PDB file of N, CA and C in Angstrom:
ATOM      1  N   UNK A   1     -16.760 -19.167 -24.764  1.00  0.00           N
ATOM      2  CA  UNK A   1     -14.908 -19.274 -23.918  1.00  0.00           C
ATOM      3  C   UNK A   1     -14.151 -19.051 -24.304  1.00  0.00           C
ATOM      4  N   UNK A   2     -14.560 -17.348 -24.779  1.00  0.00           N
ATOM      5  CA  UNK A   2     -13.158 -17.043 -25.433  1.00  0.00           C
ATOM      6  C   UNK A   2     -12.771 -16.002 -24.736  1.00  0.00           C
ATOM      7  N   UNK A   3     -13.979 -15.457 -24.276  1.00  0.00           N
ATOM      8  CA  UNK A   3     -14.453 -14.809 -23.250  1.00  0.00           C
ATOM      9  C   UNK A   3     -14.264 -14.712 -21.956  1.00  0.00           C
ATOM     10  N   UNK A   4     -14.520 -16.008 -21.214  1.00  0.00           N
ATOM     11  CA  UNK A   4     -13.707 -16.418 -19.921  1.00  0.00           C
ATOM     12  C   UNK A   4     -12.410 -15.557 -20.202  1.00  0.00           C
ATOM     13  N   UNK A   5     -11.663 -16.479 -21.089  1.00  0.00           N
ATOM     14  CA  UNK A   5     -10.268 -16.854 -21.156  1.00  0.00           C
ATOM     15  C   UNK A   5      -9.793 -15.385 -21.425  1.00  0.00           C
ATOM     16  N   UNK A   6     -10.076 -14.876 -21.953  1.00  0.00           N
ATOM     17  CA  UNK A   6      -9.524 -12.870 -21.810  1.00  0.00           C
ATOM     18  C   UNK A   6      -9.984 -12.657 -20.501  1.00  0.00           C
ATOM     19  N   UNK A   7     -10.890 -12.566 -20.082  1.00  0.00           N
ATOM     20  CA  UNK A   7     -11.180 -12.550 -18.513  1.00  0.00           C
ATOM     21  C   UNK A   7      -9.868 -12.642 -17.764  1.00  0.00           C
ATOM     22  N   UNK A   8     -10.051 -14.224 -17.647  1.00  0.00           N
ATOM     23  CA  UNK A   8      -8.953 -14.443 -16.311  1.00  0.00           C
ATOM     24  C   UNK A   8      -7.616 -14.212 -17.008  1.00  0.00           C
ATOM     25  N   UNK A   9      -7.524 -13.575 -18.094  1.00  0.00           N
ATOM     26  CA  UNK A   9      -5.660 -13.684 -18.177  1.00  0.00           C
ATOM     27  C   UNK A   9      -5.904 -11.719 -17.616  1.00  0.00           C
ATOM     28  N   UNK A  10      -6.613 -10.827 -17.834  1.00  0.00           N
ATOM     29  CA  UNK A  10      -6.766  -9.484 -17.257  1.00  0.00           C
ATOM     30  C   UNK A  10      -7.064  -9.407 -16.254  1.00  0.00           C
ATOM     31  N   UNK A  11      -7.504 -10.133 -15.028  1.00  0.00           N
ATOM     32  CA  UNK A  11      -8.075 -10.008 -13.800  1.00  0.00           C
ATOM     33  C   UNK A  11      -6.332  -9.526 -13.310  1.00  0.00           C
ATOM     34  N   UNK A  12      -5.746 -10.751 -13.547  1.00  0.00           N
ATOM     35  CA  UNK A  12      -3.912 -10.291 -12.886  1.00  0.00           C
ATOM     36  C   UNK A  12      -3.406  -9.107 -13.277  1.00  0.00           C
ATOM     37  N   UNK A  13      -3.939  -8.495 -13.984  1.00  0.00           N
ATOM     38  CA  UNK A  13      -3.383  -7.060 -14.443  1.00  0.00           C
ATOM     39  C   UNK A  13      -3.946  -5.749 -13.692  1.00  0.00           C
ATOM     40  N   UNK A  14      -4.812  -6.160 -12.771  1.00  0.00           N
ATOM     41  CA  UNK A  14      -6.041  -5.440 -12.094  1.00  0.00           C
ATOM     42  C   UNK A  14      -5.618  -5.818 -10.050  1.00  0.00           C
ATOM     43  N   UNK A  15      -4.340  -7.033 -10.842  1.00  0.00           N
ATOM     44  CA  UNK A  15      -4.017  -7.132  -8.810  1.00  0.00           C
ATOM     45  C   UNK A  15      -2.995  -5.886  -8.560  1.00  0.00           C
ATOM     46  N   UNK A  16      -3.293  -6.261  -6.824  1.00  0.00           N
ATOM     47  CA  UNK A  16      -2.625  -4.560  -6.082  1.00  0.00           C
ATOM     48  C   UNK A  16      -1.288  -4.745  -6.252  1.00  0.00           C
ATOM     49  N   UNK A  17      -1.216  -2.836  -6.424  1.00  0.00           N
ATOM     50  CA  UNK A  17       0.934  -2.535  -6.700  1.00  0.00           C
ATOM     51  C   UNK A  17       1.296  -3.561  -5.721  1.00  0.00           C
ATOM     52  N   UNK A  18       2.809  -3.995  -6.267  1.00  0.00           N
ATOM     53  CA  UNK A  18       3.654  -4.875  -5.477  1.00  0.00           C
ATOM     54  C   UNK A  18       3.644  -3.717  -4.674  1.00  0.00           C
ATOM     55  N   UNK A  19       4.396  -4.543  -3.024  1.00  0.00           N
ATOM     56  CA  UNK A  19       3.796  -3.138  -1.472  1.00  0.00           C
ATOM     57  C   UNK A  19       4.971  -2.971  -1.629  1.00  0.00           C
ATOM     58  N   UNK A  20       6.327  -3.724  -1.953  1.00  0.00           N
ATOM     59  CA  UNK A  20       7.543  -2.977  -1.856  1.00  0.00           C
ATOM     60  C   UNK A  20       7.575  -1.611  -2.872  1.00  0.00           C
ATOM     61  N   UNK A  21       6.567  -1.870  -3.654  1.00  0.00           N
ATOM     62  CA  UNK A  21       6.399  -0.293  -4.956  1.00  0.00           C
ATOM     63  C   UNK A  21       6.012   0.436  -3.482  1.00  0.00           C
ATOM     64  N   UNK A  22       4.584   0.300  -3.432  1.00  0.00           N
ATOM     65  CA  UNK A  22       4.021   1.348  -2.878  1.00  0.00           C
ATOM     66  C   UNK A  22       4.574   1.423  -1.560  1.00  0.00           C
ATOM     67  N   UNK A  23       5.682   1.096  -0.698  1.00  0.00           N
ATOM     68  CA  UNK A  23       5.809   1.205   0.204  1.00  0.00           C
ATOM     69  C   UNK A  23       6.846   2.450   0.207  1.00  0.00           C
ATOM     70  N   UNK A  24       8.005   2.296  -1.120  1.00  0.00           N
ATOM     71  CA  UNK A  24       9.033   3.057  -1.454  1.00  0.00           C
ATOM     72  C   UNK A  24       8.338   4.508  -1.474  1.00  0.00           C
ATOM     73  N   UNK A  25       6.918   4.616  -2.056  1.00  0.00           N
ATOM     74  CA  UNK A  25       6.514   5.754  -2.577  1.00  0.00           C
ATOM     75  C   UNK A  25       6.043   6.226  -1.059  1.00  0.00           C
ATOM     76  N   UNK A  26       5.692   5.237  -0.615  1.00  0.00           N
ATOM     77  CA  UNK A  26       4.701   5.997   1.091  1.00  0.00           C
ATOM     78  C   UNK A  26       5.375   6.316   1.468  1.00  0.00           C
ATOM     79  N   UNK A  27       7.404   6.001   1.618  1.00  0.00           N
ATOM     80  CA  UNK A  27       8.609   6.484   2.566  1.00  0.00           C
ATOM     81  C   UNK A  27       8.607   7.839   2.362  1.00  0.00           C
ATOM     82  N   UNK A  28       8.584   7.690   0.979  1.00  0.00           N
ATOM     83  CA  UNK A  28       9.170   9.494  -0.155  1.00  0.00           C
ATOM     84  C   UNK A  28       8.174  10.191   0.611  1.00  0.00           C
ATOM     85  N   UNK A  29       7.166  10.174   0.532  1.00  0.00           N
ATOM     86  CA  UNK A  29       6.119  11.174   0.748  1.00  0.00           C
ATOM     87  C   UNK A  29       5.972  11.558   2.421  1.00  0.00           C
ATOM     88  N   UNK A  30       6.496  10.766   3.586  1.00  0.00           N
ATOM     89  CA  UNK A  30       6.583  10.401   4.584  1.00  0.00           C
ATOM     90  C   UNK A  30       7.896  11.390   5.093  1.00  0.00           C
ATOM     91  N   UNK A  31       8.802  11.301   4.443  1.00  0.00           N
ATOM     92  CA  UNK A  31      10.435  12.039   4.250  1.00  0.00           C
ATOM     93  C   UNK A  31      10.041  13.472   4.529  1.00  0.00           C
ATOM     94  N   UNK A  32       8.764  13.728   3.607  1.00  0.00           N
ATOM     95  CA  UNK A  32       9.141  15.539   2.965  1.00  0.00           C
ATOM     96  C   UNK A  32       7.127  16.076   3.683  1.00  0.00           C
ATOM     97  N   UNK A  33       6.762  14.864   4.673  1.00  0.00           N
ATOM     98  CA  UNK A  33       6.079  15.167   5.119  1.00  0.00           C
ATOM     99  C   UNK A  33       5.888  15.917   6.817  1.00  0.00           C
ATOM    100  N   UNK A  34       4.660  17.267   6.210  1.00  0.00           N
ATOM    101  CA  UNK A  34       4.858  17.439   7.683  1.00  0.00           C
ATOM    102  C   UNK A  34       3.491  17.188   8.916  1.00  0.00           C
ATOM    103  N   UNK A  35       3.632  16.099   9.738  1.00  0.00           N
ATOM    104  CA  UNK A  35       2.616  15.492  10.853  1.00  0.00           C
ATOM    105  C   UNK A  35       3.380  16.410  11.843  1.00  0.00           C
ATOM    106  N   UNK A  36       1.628  16.227  12.594  1.00  0.00           N
ATOM    107  CA  UNK A  36       2.009  16.198  14.007  1.00  0.00           C
ATOM    108  C   UNK A  36       2.291  14.835  14.469  1.00  0.00           C
ATOM    109  N   UNK A  37       2.092  14.876  16.106  1.00  0.00           N
ATOM    110  CA  UNK A  37       2.835  14.080  17.172  1.00  0.00           C
ATOM    111  C   UNK A  37       1.913  12.601  16.743  1.00  0.00           C
ATOM    112  N   UNK A  38       0.252  13.310  16.747  1.00  0.00           N
ATOM    113  CA  UNK A  38      -0.210  12.531  17.057  1.00  0.00           C
ATOM    114  C   UNK A  38      -0.454  11.340  15.291  1.00  0.00           C
ATOM    115  N   UNK A  39      -0.483  12.330  14.298  1.00  0.00           N
ATOM    116  CA  UNK A  39       0.122  11.651  12.831  1.00  0.00           C
ATOM    117  C   UNK A  39       0.590  10.833  13.001  1.00  0.00           C
ATOM    118  N   UNK A  40       2.629  11.528  12.608  1.00  0.00           N
ATOM    119  CA  UNK A  40       2.661  10.316  12.898  1.00  0.00           C
ATOM    120  C   UNK A  40       2.841   9.244  13.491  1.00  0.00           C
ATOM    121  N   UNK A  41       2.311   9.114  14.797  1.00  0.00           N
ATOM    122  CA  UNK A  41       2.658   7.688  15.158  1.00  0.00           C
ATOM    123  C   UNK A  41       1.892   7.041  14.502  1.00  0.00           C
ATOM    124  N   UNK A  42       0.428   7.274  13.989  1.00  0.00           N
ATOM    125  CA  UNK A  42      -0.831   6.652  13.329  1.00  0.00           C
ATOM    126  C   UNK A  42       0.088   5.588  11.585  1.00  0.00           C
ATOM    127  N   UNK A  43       1.091   7.027  11.117  1.00  0.00           N
ATOM    128  CA  UNK A  43       1.567   6.250   9.874  1.00  0.00           C
ATOM    129  C   UNK A  43       2.839   5.189  10.260  1.00  0.00           C
ATOM    130  N   UNK A  44       3.685   5.469  11.281  1.00  0.00           N
ATOM    131  CA  UNK A  44       4.793   4.682  11.264  1.00  0.00           C
ATOM    132  C   UNK A  44       3.715   3.658  11.896  1.00  0.00           C
ATOM    133  N   UNK A  45       2.701   3.165  12.774  1.00  0.00           N
ATOM    134  CA  UNK A  45       1.960   2.328  12.911  1.00  0.00           C
ATOM    135  C   UNK A  45       1.475   1.113  11.615  1.00  0.00           C
ATOM    136  N   UNK A  46       0.623   2.194  10.760  1.00  0.00           N
ATOM    137  CA  UNK A  46       0.096   1.638   9.753  1.00  0.00           C
ATOM    138  C   UNK A  46       1.519   1.344   9.015  1.00  0.00           C
ATOM    139  N   UNK A  47       2.643   1.589   8.384  1.00  0.00           N
ATOM    140  CA  UNK A  47       3.524   1.483   8.149  1.00  0.00           C
ATOM    141  C   UNK A  47       4.379  -0.028   8.393  1.00  0.00           C
ATOM    142  N   UNK A  48       4.134  -0.124   9.989  1.00  0.00           N
ATOM    143  CA  UNK A  48       4.875  -1.643  11.082  1.00  0.00           C
ATOM    144  C   UNK A  48       3.807  -2.305  10.105  1.00  0.00           C
ATOM    145  N   UNK A  49       2.516  -1.931   9.710  1.00  0.00           N
ATOM    146  CA  UNK A  49       1.082  -3.400   9.846  1.00  0.00           C
ATOM    147  C   UNK A  49       1.917  -3.662   8.440  1.00  0.00           C
ATOM    148  N   UNK A  50       1.846  -2.415   7.457  1.00  0.00           N
ATOM    149  CA  UNK A  50       2.246  -2.844   6.059  1.00  0.00           C
ATOM    150  C   UNK A  50       3.596  -3.592   5.675  1.00  0.00           C
ATOM    151  N   UNK A  51       4.677  -3.744   6.535  1.00  0.00           N
ATOM    152  CA  UNK A  51       5.668  -4.276   6.208  1.00  0.00           C
ATOM    153  C   UNK A  51       5.281  -5.516   6.930  1.00  0.00           C
ATOM    154  N   UNK A  52       5.057  -5.906   8.006  1.00  0.00           N
ATOM    155  CA  UNK A  52       4.789  -6.970   8.087  1.00  0.00           C
ATOM    156  C   UNK A  52       3.200  -8.364   7.274  1.00  0.00           C
ATOM    157  N   UNK A  53       2.698  -7.429   6.506  1.00  0.00           N
ATOM    158  CA  UNK A  53       1.532  -8.095   5.483  1.00  0.00           C
ATOM    159  C   UNK A  53       2.533  -8.175   4.202  1.00  0.00           C
ATOM    160  N   UNK A  54       2.973  -7.575   3.720  1.00  0.00           N
ATOM    161  CA  UNK A  54       4.074  -7.430   2.680  1.00  0.00           C
ATOM    162  C   UNK A  54       5.204  -8.305   2.767  1.00  0.00           C
ATOM    163  N   UNK A  55       5.520  -8.649   3.859  1.00  0.00           N
ATOM    164  CA  UNK A  55       6.763 -10.069   4.267  1.00  0.00           C
ATOM    165  C   UNK A  55       5.859 -11.337   3.860  1.00  0.00           C
ATOM    166  N   UNK A  56       4.691 -10.756   4.618  1.00  0.00           N
ATOM    167  CA  UNK A  56       3.961 -12.035   5.109  1.00  0.00           C
ATOM    168  C   UNK A  56       3.061 -11.637   3.253  1.00  0.00           C
ATOM    169  N   UNK A  57       3.718 -11.540   2.089  1.00  0.00           N
ATOM    170  CA  UNK A  57       2.878 -12.070   0.749  1.00  0.00           C
ATOM    171  C   UNK A  57       1.227 -11.752   0.686  1.00  0.00           C
ATOM    172  N   UNK A  58       0.998 -10.491   1.270  1.00  0.00           N
ATOM    173  CA  UNK A  58      -0.546 -10.426   1.742  1.00  0.00           C
ATOM    174  C   UNK A  58      -0.174  -8.508   0.502  1.00  0.00           C
ATOM    175  N   UNK A  59      -0.196  -8.154  -0.460  1.00  0.00           N
ATOM    176  CA  UNK A  59       0.115  -7.026  -1.226  1.00  0.00           C
ATOM    177  C   UNK A  59      -1.308  -6.207  -1.441  1.00  0.00           C
ATOM    178  N   UNK A  60      -1.870  -6.849  -1.133  1.00  0.00           N
ATOM    179  CA  UNK A  60      -3.851  -6.392  -0.823  1.00  0.00           C
ATOM    180  C   UNK A  60      -3.677  -5.538   0.640  1.00  0.00           C
ATOM    181  N   UNK A  61      -4.235  -6.202   1.359  1.00  0.00           N
ATOM    182  CA  UNK A  61      -3.699  -6.096   2.954  1.00  0.00           C
ATOM    183  C   UNK A  61      -3.022  -4.358   3.010  1.00  0.00           C
ATOM    184  N   UNK A  62      -1.329  -5.141   2.882  1.00  0.00           N
ATOM    185  CA  UNK A  62      -0.244  -4.113   2.524  1.00  0.00           C
ATOM    186  C   UNK A  62      -0.220  -3.154   2.103  1.00  0.00           C
ATOM    187  N   UNK A  63      -1.476  -2.857   0.882  1.00  0.00           N
ATOM    188  CA  UNK A  63      -1.383  -1.654   0.067  1.00  0.00           C
ATOM    189  C   UNK A  63      -2.438  -0.878   1.055  1.00  0.00           C
ATOM    190  N   UNK A  64      -3.261  -1.575   1.468  1.00  0.00           N
ATOM    191  CA  UNK A  64      -4.333  -1.512   2.385  1.00  0.00           C
ATOM    192  C   UNK A  64      -3.795  -0.101   3.384  1.00  0.00           C
ATOM    193  N   UNK A  65      -3.299  -0.903   4.087  1.00  0.00           N
ATOM    194  CA  UNK A  65      -2.639   0.082   4.927  1.00  0.00           C
ATOM    195  C   UNK A  65      -1.971   1.071   4.534  1.00  0.00           C
ATOM    196  N   UNK A  66      -0.673   1.179   3.436  1.00  0.00           N
ATOM    197  CA  UNK A  66      -0.367   2.270   3.477  1.00  0.00           C
ATOM    198  C   UNK A  66      -1.107   2.946   2.542  1.00  0.00           C
ATOM    199  N   UNK A  67      -2.148   2.812   2.137  1.00  0.00           N
ATOM    200  CA  UNK A  67      -3.185   3.589   0.971  1.00  0.00           C
ATOM    201  C   UNK A  67      -4.078   5.073   2.033  1.00  0.00           C
ATOM    202  N   UNK A  68      -4.158   4.301   3.770  1.00  0.00           N
ATOM    203  CA  UNK A  68      -4.637   4.977   4.804  1.00  0.00           C
ATOM    204  C   UNK A  68      -3.593   5.958   5.012  1.00  0.00           C
ATOM    205  N   UNK A  69      -1.812   5.913   5.181  1.00  0.00           N
ATOM    206  CA  UNK A  69      -1.371   6.643   5.659  1.00  0.00           C
ATOM    207  C   UNK A  69      -0.527   7.041   4.272  1.00  0.00           C
ATOM    208  N   UNK A  70      -1.210   7.045   3.398  1.00  0.00           N
ATOM    209  CA  UNK A  70      -0.628   7.990   2.743  1.00  0.00           C
ATOM    210  C   UNK A  70      -2.028   9.677   2.597  1.00  0.00           C
ATOM    211  N   UNK A  71      -3.008   8.474   2.606  1.00  0.00           N
ATOM    212  CA  UNK A  71      -4.276   9.763   2.943  1.00  0.00           C
ATOM    213  C   UNK A  71      -4.299  10.902   4.337  1.00  0.00           C
ATOM    214  N   UNK A  72      -3.729  10.302   5.478  1.00  0.00           N
ATOM    215  CA  UNK A  72      -3.477  11.120   6.876  1.00  0.00           C
ATOM    216  C   UNK A  72      -2.342  11.487   5.827  1.00  0.00           C
ATOM    217  N   UNK A  73      -1.240  11.889   5.282  1.00  0.00           N
ATOM    218  CA  UNK A  73      -0.244  12.502   4.862  1.00  0.00           C
ATOM    219  C   UNK A  73      -0.657  13.843   4.281  1.00  0.00           C
ATOM    220  N   UNK A  74      -2.329  13.653   3.606  1.00  0.00           N
ATOM    221  CA  UNK A  74      -2.663  14.456   2.680  1.00  0.00           C
ATOM    222  C   UNK A  74      -2.188  13.928   0.724  1.00  0.00           C
ATOM    223  N   UNK A  75      -1.775  12.662   1.187  1.00  0.00           N
ATOM    224  CA  UNK A  75      -1.006  12.313  -0.218  1.00  0.00           C
ATOM    225  C   UNK A  75      -1.768  11.359  -1.149  1.00  0.00           C
TER     226      UNK A  75
END
């Protein structure tokens, strides 16, 4: 029973990174990235989707979009 309590307490610590923080990091990377037109368009699209999900308090999906954008930028 104690173990269950410890697991329940530790799970929130592994939750998604706050989307606001990850968005800030992605935008900083984007500001210095050299992207071709197609990659820039894809990163912009992913950023828009991430903002939409972040505003809906869906941090996990927002973070997934931002992670994909970072991969495109090589970060």
